[in-house]
Amino acid sequence: MIISDLREIEGRRYPARRRTQNLVGGVAPIQCRNFCMGYVTLDPQGGQVPWHNQDQEEVYFILEGTGEMCLGEERRVVTGGQAVYIPPKVYHQLTNIGDTPLRMIYVYGPAGDVAHWRQELEGTLPRAGIEAPPLPPGARPQCTAKPA
C-alpha cells in the first residue's frame, strides 16, 4: 500500500506566497497516469496561484478561506466548500483575499508537469496583458515576483 501523508510531505514555497504539497504525481509517493492531486496553502491577504494556463483540465476545491478566482474573463469570490472547474488551456488565477490562510486541493488530468511551477520559480511566468491575455477587470494583479 502506498500512502501520501501531508504531515510527511514538505512541499515547496513559491514566490507568490503559497506552499504546494504534491499528494499524487510530481515528487509524491503515489504516481498515477490519469491525474495529479495536491494540497495548497495560500498566505493571507495576497497569497496566489498566479495567472497561467495548462493543457490539462483541472478542479480547485476550496477547503477553507476566501479567494478571488479569475477564469478567462470571469472573476468571482470563492469560499470553503466550493469547487471550480478549469477547462484546458484557459488562463486562471486564485488569490487569497482573506485574513486567514486559504487551503485547497487541486486535481488535474492527465498527469504530468505543469509549466507554471517552473516558470514561477524562474521568474518567467507569461505576464497578464503582455504575453498572456489580460486579467478580468478589477482583478488582483498577477504575482510575477522573481524568487529571492
N, C-alpha and C. Protein backbone atom coordinates (compact mmCIF):
# COMPACT_ATOMS: atom_id res chain seq x y z
N MET A 1 0.85 -1.18 0.00
CA MET A 1 0.00 0.00 0.00
C MET A 1 0.89 1.24 0.00
N ILE A 2 0.56 2.18 -0.87
CA ILE A 2 1.31 3.44 -0.95
C ILE A 2 0.43 4.54 -0.35
N ILE A 3 0.99 5.31 0.58
CA ILE A 3 0.23 6.38 1.24
C ILE A 3 1.01 7.68 1.13
N SER A 4 0.32 8.75 0.73
CA SER A 4 0.87 10.10 0.79
C SER A 4 0.32 10.75 2.05
N ASP A 5 1.19 11.26 2.89
CA ASP A 5 0.80 11.86 4.17
C ASP A 5 1.27 13.32 4.19
N LEU A 6 0.34 14.26 4.26
CA LEU A 6 0.69 15.68 4.27
C LEU A 6 1.68 16.02 5.38
N ARG A 7 1.59 15.33 6.49
CA ARG A 7 2.50 15.60 7.61
C ARG A 7 3.94 15.23 7.28
N GLU A 8 4.13 14.42 6.24
CA GLU A 8 5.47 13.97 5.87
C GLU A 8 5.96 14.58 4.56
N ILE A 9 5.14 15.39 3.91
CA ILE A 9 5.50 15.98 2.62
C ILE A 9 5.81 17.46 2.85
N GLU A 10 7.08 17.82 2.71
CA GLU A 10 7.48 19.20 2.96
C GLU A 10 6.84 20.15 1.95
N GLY A 11 6.80 19.76 0.70
CA GLY A 11 6.25 20.64 -0.33
C GLY A 11 7.25 21.71 -0.72
N ARG A 12 6.75 22.70 -1.42
CA ARG A 12 7.61 23.77 -1.92
C ARG A 12 6.92 25.12 -1.73
N ARG A 13 7.71 26.13 -1.33
CA ARG A 13 7.22 27.51 -1.25
C ARG A 13 7.49 28.19 -2.58
N TYR A 14 6.55 28.98 -3.02
CA TYR A 14 6.65 29.71 -4.28
C TYR A 14 6.67 31.21 -4.03
N PRO A 15 7.26 31.98 -4.95
CA PRO A 15 7.34 33.43 -4.77
C PRO A 15 5.98 34.12 -4.58
N ALA A 16 4.92 33.52 -5.09
CA ALA A 16 3.60 34.14 -4.99
C ALA A 16 2.94 33.87 -3.62
N ARG A 17 3.75 33.47 -2.64
CA ARG A 17 3.29 33.31 -1.26
C ARG A 17 2.33 32.14 -1.09
N ARG A 18 2.77 30.98 -1.55
CA ARG A 18 1.98 29.77 -1.35
C ARG A 18 2.91 28.59 -1.13
N ARG A 19 2.35 27.57 -0.53
CA ARG A 19 3.04 26.29 -0.34
C ARG A 19 2.22 25.23 -1.05
N THR A 20 2.88 24.43 -1.88
CA THR A 20 2.23 23.35 -2.61
C THR A 20 2.83 22.03 -2.18
N GLN A 21 1.96 21.09 -1.82
CA GLN A 21 2.38 19.76 -1.44
C GLN A 21 1.73 18.76 -2.40
N ASN A 22 2.56 18.07 -3.19
CA ASN A 22 2.04 17.07 -4.12
C ASN A 22 1.62 15.83 -3.35
N LEU A 23 0.40 15.38 -3.57
CA LEU A 23 -0.10 14.15 -2.97
C LEU A 23 -0.06 12.99 -3.96
N VAL A 24 -0.36 13.29 -5.22
CA VAL A 24 -0.33 12.31 -6.31
C VAL A 24 0.38 12.98 -7.48
N GLY A 25 1.44 12.37 -7.97
CA GLY A 25 2.20 12.94 -9.08
C GLY A 25 3.35 13.79 -8.57
N GLY A 26 4.14 14.33 -9.50
CA GLY A 26 5.30 15.12 -9.11
C GLY A 26 6.25 14.28 -8.27
N VAL A 27 6.65 14.81 -7.12
CA VAL A 27 7.58 14.09 -6.24
C VAL A 27 6.85 13.28 -5.17
N ALA A 28 5.54 13.13 -5.29
CA ALA A 28 4.74 12.41 -4.30
C ALA A 28 5.00 10.90 -4.36
N PRO A 29 4.73 10.21 -3.25
CA PRO A 29 4.89 8.75 -3.25
C PRO A 29 3.93 8.04 -4.21
N ILE A 30 2.73 8.61 -4.41
CA ILE A 30 1.73 8.00 -5.29
C ILE A 30 1.88 8.58 -6.69
N GLN A 31 1.98 7.72 -7.67
CA GLN A 31 2.07 8.13 -9.07
C GLN A 31 0.92 7.51 -9.85
N CYS A 32 0.21 8.33 -10.61
CA CYS A 32 -0.89 7.87 -11.47
C CYS A 32 -0.67 8.40 -12.87
N ARG A 33 -1.20 7.71 -13.85
CA ARG A 33 -1.10 8.17 -15.24
C ARG A 33 -2.19 9.18 -15.58
N ASN A 34 -3.35 9.04 -14.93
CA ASN A 34 -4.51 9.79 -15.38
C ASN A 34 -4.78 11.09 -14.63
N PHE A 35 -4.15 11.29 -13.47
CA PHE A 35 -4.38 12.55 -12.76
C PHE A 35 -3.27 12.82 -11.75
N CYS A 36 -3.20 14.08 -11.33
CA CYS A 36 -2.34 14.53 -10.24
C CYS A 36 -3.22 15.23 -9.22
N MET A 37 -2.76 15.27 -7.97
CA MET A 37 -3.53 15.91 -6.91
C MET A 37 -2.57 16.51 -5.90
N GLY A 38 -2.96 17.66 -5.35
CA GLY A 38 -2.11 18.28 -4.35
C GLY A 38 -2.88 19.17 -3.41
N TYR A 39 -2.20 19.61 -2.38
CA TYR A 39 -2.75 20.45 -1.33
C TYR A 39 -1.99 21.77 -1.37
N VAL A 40 -2.72 22.88 -1.38
CA VAL A 40 -2.10 24.19 -1.50
C VAL A 40 -2.58 25.08 -0.36
N THR A 41 -1.64 25.83 0.22
CA THR A 41 -1.96 26.83 1.22
C THR A 41 -1.52 28.19 0.69
N LEU A 42 -2.48 29.11 0.55
CA LEU A 42 -2.19 30.48 0.11
C LEU A 42 -2.11 31.37 1.35
N ASP A 43 -1.03 32.13 1.48
CA ASP A 43 -0.87 33.03 2.61
C ASP A 43 -1.99 34.07 2.64
N PRO A 44 -2.35 34.55 3.85
CA PRO A 44 -3.39 35.58 3.96
C PRO A 44 -3.06 36.83 3.14
N GLN A 45 -4.12 37.50 2.71
CA GLN A 45 -4.00 38.78 2.01
C GLN A 45 -2.97 38.77 0.88
N GLY A 46 -3.24 37.96 -0.13
CA GLY A 46 -2.45 38.06 -1.35
C GLY A 46 -1.72 36.81 -1.80
N GLY A 47 -1.64 35.76 -0.98
CA GLY A 47 -1.04 34.52 -1.47
C GLY A 47 -1.76 34.10 -2.74
N GLN A 48 -1.05 33.52 -3.70
CA GLN A 48 -1.65 33.37 -5.03
C GLN A 48 -1.13 32.16 -5.79
N VAL A 49 -2.02 31.61 -6.61
CA VAL A 49 -1.65 30.77 -7.74
C VAL A 49 -1.75 31.73 -8.92
N PRO A 50 -0.61 32.22 -9.46
CA PRO A 50 -0.66 33.28 -10.47
C PRO A 50 -1.31 32.88 -11.79
N TRP A 51 -1.70 33.87 -12.55
CA TRP A 51 -2.33 33.76 -13.87
C TRP A 51 -1.50 32.86 -14.76
N HIS A 52 -2.10 31.76 -15.19
CA HIS A 52 -1.41 30.79 -16.04
C HIS A 52 -2.46 29.91 -16.72
N ASN A 53 -2.01 29.11 -17.65
CA ASN A 53 -2.87 28.08 -18.23
C ASN A 53 -2.07 26.80 -18.39
N GLN A 54 -2.76 25.74 -18.75
CA GLN A 54 -2.11 24.45 -18.95
C GLN A 54 -2.98 23.60 -19.86
N ASP A 55 -2.41 22.52 -20.37
CA ASP A 55 -3.13 21.66 -21.30
C ASP A 55 -4.16 20.76 -20.62
N GLN A 56 -3.98 20.49 -19.32
CA GLN A 56 -4.88 19.59 -18.60
C GLN A 56 -6.13 20.32 -18.11
N GLU A 57 -7.22 19.55 -17.94
CA GLU A 57 -8.37 20.11 -17.22
C GLU A 57 -8.08 19.97 -15.74
N GLU A 58 -8.70 20.84 -14.94
CA GLU A 58 -8.35 20.90 -13.52
C GLU A 58 -9.57 21.29 -12.69
N VAL A 59 -9.53 20.92 -11.42
CA VAL A 59 -10.54 21.35 -10.46
C VAL A 59 -9.81 21.85 -9.22
N TYR A 60 -10.23 23.03 -8.73
CA TYR A 60 -9.79 23.53 -7.43
C TYR A 60 -10.94 23.30 -6.47
N PHE A 61 -10.66 22.65 -5.34
CA PHE A 61 -11.66 22.50 -4.29
C PHE A 61 -11.18 23.30 -3.08
N ILE A 62 -11.91 24.35 -2.75
CA ILE A 62 -11.55 25.23 -1.65
C ILE A 62 -12.01 24.56 -0.34
N LEU A 63 -11.07 24.30 0.54
CA LEU A 63 -11.38 23.68 1.83
C LEU A 63 -11.78 24.74 2.86
N GLU A 64 -10.99 25.82 2.92
CA GLU A 64 -11.28 26.91 3.84
C GLU A 64 -10.61 28.18 3.35
N GLY A 65 -11.21 29.30 3.71
CA GLY A 65 -10.67 30.60 3.32
C GLY A 65 -11.55 31.25 2.28
N THR A 66 -11.10 32.43 1.85
CA THR A 66 -11.84 33.23 0.86
C THR A 66 -10.87 33.68 -0.22
N GLY A 67 -11.24 33.43 -1.46
CA GLY A 67 -10.35 33.78 -2.56
C GLY A 67 -11.07 34.48 -3.69
N GLU A 68 -10.27 35.12 -4.51
CA GLU A 68 -10.75 35.70 -5.77
C GLU A 68 -10.29 34.76 -6.87
N MET A 69 -11.25 34.15 -7.56
CA MET A 69 -10.95 33.22 -8.65
C MET A 69 -11.17 33.94 -9.96
N CYS A 70 -10.14 33.98 -10.79
CA CYS A 70 -10.24 34.52 -12.14
C CYS A 70 -10.11 33.35 -13.10
N LEU A 71 -11.04 33.26 -14.03
CA LEU A 71 -11.07 32.17 -15.01
C LEU A 71 -11.48 32.77 -16.34
N GLY A 72 -10.51 32.85 -17.27
CA GLY A 72 -10.80 33.51 -18.53
C GLY A 72 -11.17 34.96 -18.28
N GLU A 73 -12.36 35.36 -18.68
CA GLU A 73 -12.82 36.74 -18.50
C GLU A 73 -13.69 36.91 -17.26
N GLU A 74 -13.85 35.84 -16.46
CA GLU A 74 -14.70 35.89 -15.27
C GLU A 74 -13.87 36.10 -14.01
N ARG A 75 -14.50 36.75 -13.01
CA ARG A 75 -13.89 36.95 -11.70
C ARG A 75 -14.98 36.77 -10.65
N ARG A 76 -14.73 35.87 -9.67
CA ARG A 76 -15.72 35.59 -8.62
C ARG A 76 -15.02 35.33 -7.30
N VAL A 77 -15.74 35.55 -6.21
CA VAL A 77 -15.26 35.18 -4.89
C VAL A 77 -15.64 33.73 -4.65
N VAL A 78 -14.67 32.95 -4.13
CA VAL A 78 -14.90 31.54 -3.79
C VAL A 78 -14.57 31.34 -2.32
N THR A 79 -15.28 30.40 -1.68
CA THR A 79 -15.08 30.14 -0.26
C THR A 79 -15.08 28.63 -0.01
N GLY A 80 -14.74 28.26 1.22
CA GLY A 80 -14.68 26.87 1.62
C GLY A 80 -15.93 26.09 1.23
N GLY A 81 -15.73 24.89 0.70
CA GLY A 81 -16.83 24.03 0.29
C GLY A 81 -17.18 24.15 -1.19
N GLN A 82 -16.51 25.06 -1.91
CA GLN A 82 -16.80 25.23 -3.34
C GLN A 82 -15.69 24.62 -4.20
N ALA A 83 -16.09 24.08 -5.33
CA ALA A 83 -15.16 23.55 -6.33
C ALA A 83 -15.32 24.36 -7.61
N VAL A 84 -14.20 24.60 -8.29
CA VAL A 84 -14.19 25.35 -9.55
C VAL A 84 -13.60 24.46 -10.63
N TYR A 85 -14.32 24.31 -11.74
CA TYR A 85 -13.82 23.56 -12.90
C TYR A 85 -13.04 24.51 -13.80
N ILE A 86 -11.84 24.07 -14.21
CA ILE A 86 -10.97 24.87 -15.07
C ILE A 86 -10.73 24.08 -16.36
N PRO A 87 -11.31 24.54 -17.48
CA PRO A 87 -11.11 23.81 -18.74
C PRO A 87 -9.65 23.90 -19.21
N PRO A 88 -9.23 22.96 -20.04
CA PRO A 88 -7.87 23.00 -20.58
C PRO A 88 -7.62 24.32 -21.33
N LYS A 89 -6.39 24.82 -21.19
CA LYS A 89 -5.87 25.98 -21.91
C LYS A 89 -6.48 27.32 -21.52
N VAL A 90 -7.38 27.35 -20.54
CA VAL A 90 -7.99 28.61 -20.11
C VAL A 90 -7.14 29.20 -18.99
N TYR A 91 -6.77 30.48 -19.14
CA TYR A 91 -5.99 31.14 -18.11
C TYR A 91 -6.81 31.28 -16.84
N HIS A 92 -6.12 31.10 -15.69
CA HIS A 92 -6.80 31.18 -14.40
C HIS A 92 -5.81 31.62 -13.33
N GLN A 93 -6.39 32.16 -12.24
CA GLN A 93 -5.60 32.66 -11.11
C GLN A 93 -6.47 32.60 -9.86
N LEU A 94 -5.87 32.25 -8.74
CA LEU A 94 -6.57 32.26 -7.45
C LEU A 94 -5.75 33.08 -6.47
N THR A 95 -6.39 34.07 -5.84
CA THR A 95 -5.72 34.94 -4.88
C THR A 95 -6.47 34.90 -3.56
N ASN A 96 -5.74 34.72 -2.46
CA ASN A 96 -6.35 34.76 -1.14
C ASN A 96 -6.67 36.22 -0.81
N ILE A 97 -7.95 36.52 -0.59
CA ILE A 97 -8.35 37.89 -0.24
C ILE A 97 -8.78 37.97 1.22
N GLY A 98 -8.57 36.90 1.98
CA GLY A 98 -8.96 36.87 3.38
C GLY A 98 -7.80 37.08 4.33
N ASP A 99 -8.13 37.15 5.61
CA ASP A 99 -7.14 37.37 6.66
C ASP A 99 -6.59 36.07 7.25
N THR A 100 -7.05 34.92 6.74
CA THR A 100 -6.57 33.62 7.19
C THR A 100 -6.05 32.85 5.98
N PRO A 101 -5.25 31.81 6.19
CA PRO A 101 -4.79 31.02 5.04
C PRO A 101 -5.97 30.44 4.26
N LEU A 102 -5.83 30.41 2.95
CA LEU A 102 -6.78 29.71 2.09
C LEU A 102 -6.16 28.35 1.81
N ARG A 103 -6.93 27.30 2.06
CA ARG A 103 -6.44 25.94 1.82
C ARG A 103 -7.31 25.28 0.76
N MET A 104 -6.66 24.63 -0.18
CA MET A 104 -7.41 24.00 -1.27
C MET A 104 -6.71 22.74 -1.74
N ILE A 105 -7.47 21.94 -2.47
CA ILE A 105 -6.96 20.76 -3.14
C ILE A 105 -7.12 20.98 -4.64
N TYR A 106 -6.10 20.66 -5.40
CA TYR A 106 -6.23 20.69 -6.86
C TYR A 106 -6.14 19.26 -7.37
N VAL A 107 -6.84 19.02 -8.47
CA VAL A 107 -6.76 17.76 -9.20
C VAL A 107 -6.73 18.12 -10.67
N TYR A 108 -5.75 17.59 -11.40
CA TYR A 108 -5.74 17.80 -12.85
C TYR A 108 -5.38 16.51 -13.55
N GLY A 109 -5.84 16.42 -14.78
CA GLY A 109 -5.56 15.24 -15.56
C GLY A 109 -5.56 15.57 -17.05
N PRO A 110 -4.80 14.83 -17.83
CA PRO A 110 -3.97 13.71 -17.40
C PRO A 110 -2.78 14.18 -16.57
N ALA A 111 -2.11 13.23 -15.96
CA ALA A 111 -0.95 13.53 -15.12
C ALA A 111 0.16 14.16 -15.96
N GLY A 112 1.08 14.80 -15.30
CA GLY A 112 2.23 15.40 -15.97
C GLY A 112 2.57 16.73 -15.33
N ASP A 113 3.72 17.26 -15.71
CA ASP A 113 4.15 18.54 -15.18
C ASP A 113 3.31 19.67 -15.75
N VAL A 114 3.16 20.72 -14.95
CA VAL A 114 2.55 21.95 -15.44
C VAL A 114 3.64 23.02 -15.43
N ALA A 115 3.76 23.75 -16.52
CA ALA A 115 4.88 24.67 -16.72
C ALA A 115 4.90 25.82 -15.72
N HIS A 116 3.74 26.23 -15.21
CA HIS A 116 3.73 27.44 -14.38
C HIS A 116 4.54 27.28 -13.09
N TRP A 117 4.70 26.07 -12.57
CA TRP A 117 5.53 25.89 -11.37
C TRP A 117 6.97 26.28 -11.68
N ARG A 118 7.52 25.74 -12.75
CA ARG A 118 8.89 26.04 -13.16
C ARG A 118 9.03 27.51 -13.52
N GLN A 119 8.05 28.04 -14.30
CA GLN A 119 8.11 29.43 -14.72
C GLN A 119 8.11 30.38 -13.52
N GLU A 120 7.29 30.08 -12.52
CA GLU A 120 7.26 30.95 -11.34
C GLU A 120 8.59 30.93 -10.61
N LEU A 121 9.18 29.75 -10.45
CA LEU A 121 10.47 29.64 -9.77
C LEU A 121 11.59 30.32 -10.55
N GLU A 122 11.47 30.37 -11.89
CA GLU A 122 12.48 31.01 -12.73
C GLU A 122 12.20 32.50 -12.94
N GLY A 123 11.01 32.96 -12.54
CA GLY A 123 10.64 34.36 -12.80
C GLY A 123 10.26 34.61 -14.24
N THR A 124 9.74 33.57 -14.94
CA THR A 124 9.43 33.71 -16.37
C THR A 124 7.95 33.49 -16.70
N LEU A 125 7.05 33.66 -15.71
CA LEU A 125 5.61 33.50 -15.99
C LEU A 125 5.18 34.47 -17.08
N PRO A 126 4.35 34.02 -18.03
CA PRO A 126 3.78 34.95 -19.00
C PRO A 126 2.96 36.01 -18.27
N ARG A 127 3.24 37.29 -18.54
CA ARG A 127 2.59 38.38 -17.83
C ARG A 127 1.22 38.70 -18.41
N ALA A 128 0.24 38.85 -17.52
CA ALA A 128 -1.14 39.17 -17.91
C ALA A 128 -1.16 40.45 -18.73
N GLY A 129 -1.83 40.39 -19.88
CA GLY A 129 -1.97 41.56 -20.75
C GLY A 129 -0.76 41.84 -21.61
N ILE A 130 0.31 41.04 -21.47
CA ILE A 130 1.51 41.23 -22.29
C ILE A 130 1.77 39.95 -23.08
N GLU A 131 2.28 38.90 -22.41
CA GLU A 131 2.48 37.61 -23.09
C GLU A 131 1.28 36.68 -22.92
N ALA A 132 0.34 37.07 -22.07
CA ALA A 132 -0.86 36.28 -21.79
C ALA A 132 -2.07 37.21 -21.87
N PRO A 133 -3.27 36.65 -21.99
CA PRO A 133 -4.46 37.52 -22.00
C PRO A 133 -4.54 38.34 -20.72
N PRO A 134 -5.22 39.48 -20.76
CA PRO A 134 -5.36 40.29 -19.55
C PRO A 134 -6.24 39.61 -18.51
N LEU A 135 -6.01 39.97 -17.25
CA LEU A 135 -6.88 39.52 -16.17
C LEU A 135 -8.25 40.17 -16.33
N PRO A 136 -9.30 39.58 -15.76
CA PRO A 136 -10.62 40.23 -15.80
C PRO A 136 -10.56 41.60 -15.11
N PRO A 137 -11.40 42.54 -15.52
CA PRO A 137 -11.42 43.87 -14.90
C PRO A 137 -11.61 43.78 -13.39
N GLY A 138 -10.82 44.56 -12.65
CA GLY A 138 -10.93 44.61 -11.20
C GLY A 138 -10.17 43.55 -10.45
N ALA A 139 -9.52 42.62 -11.17
CA ALA A 139 -8.82 41.51 -10.52
C ALA A 139 -7.56 41.98 -9.82
N ARG A 140 -7.18 41.24 -8.77
CA ARG A 140 -5.90 41.49 -8.10
C ARG A 140 -4.79 41.25 -9.12
N PRO A 141 -3.71 42.03 -9.06
CA PRO A 141 -2.62 41.84 -10.03
C PRO A 141 -1.97 40.46 -9.91
N GLN A 142 -1.47 39.99 -11.01
CA GLN A 142 -0.73 38.73 -11.06
C GLN A 142 0.60 38.92 -10.36
N CYS A 143 0.99 37.96 -9.55
CA CYS A 143 2.31 37.99 -8.93
C CYS A 143 3.32 37.46 -9.94
N THR A 144 4.27 38.28 -10.31
CA THR A 144 5.35 37.84 -11.20
C THR A 144 6.69 38.05 -10.51
N ALA A 145 6.69 38.09 -9.18
CA ALA A 145 7.93 38.30 -8.43
C ALA A 145 8.93 37.20 -8.72
N LYS A 146 10.18 37.59 -8.86
CA LYS A 146 11.23 36.61 -9.04
C LYS A 146 11.63 36.06 -7.68
N PRO A 147 12.06 34.82 -7.63
CA PRO A 147 12.49 34.25 -6.36
C PRO A 147 13.65 35.04 -5.74
N ALA A 148 13.71 35.04 -4.43
CA ALA A 148 14.80 35.75 -3.74
C ALA A 148 16.10 34.99 -3.87
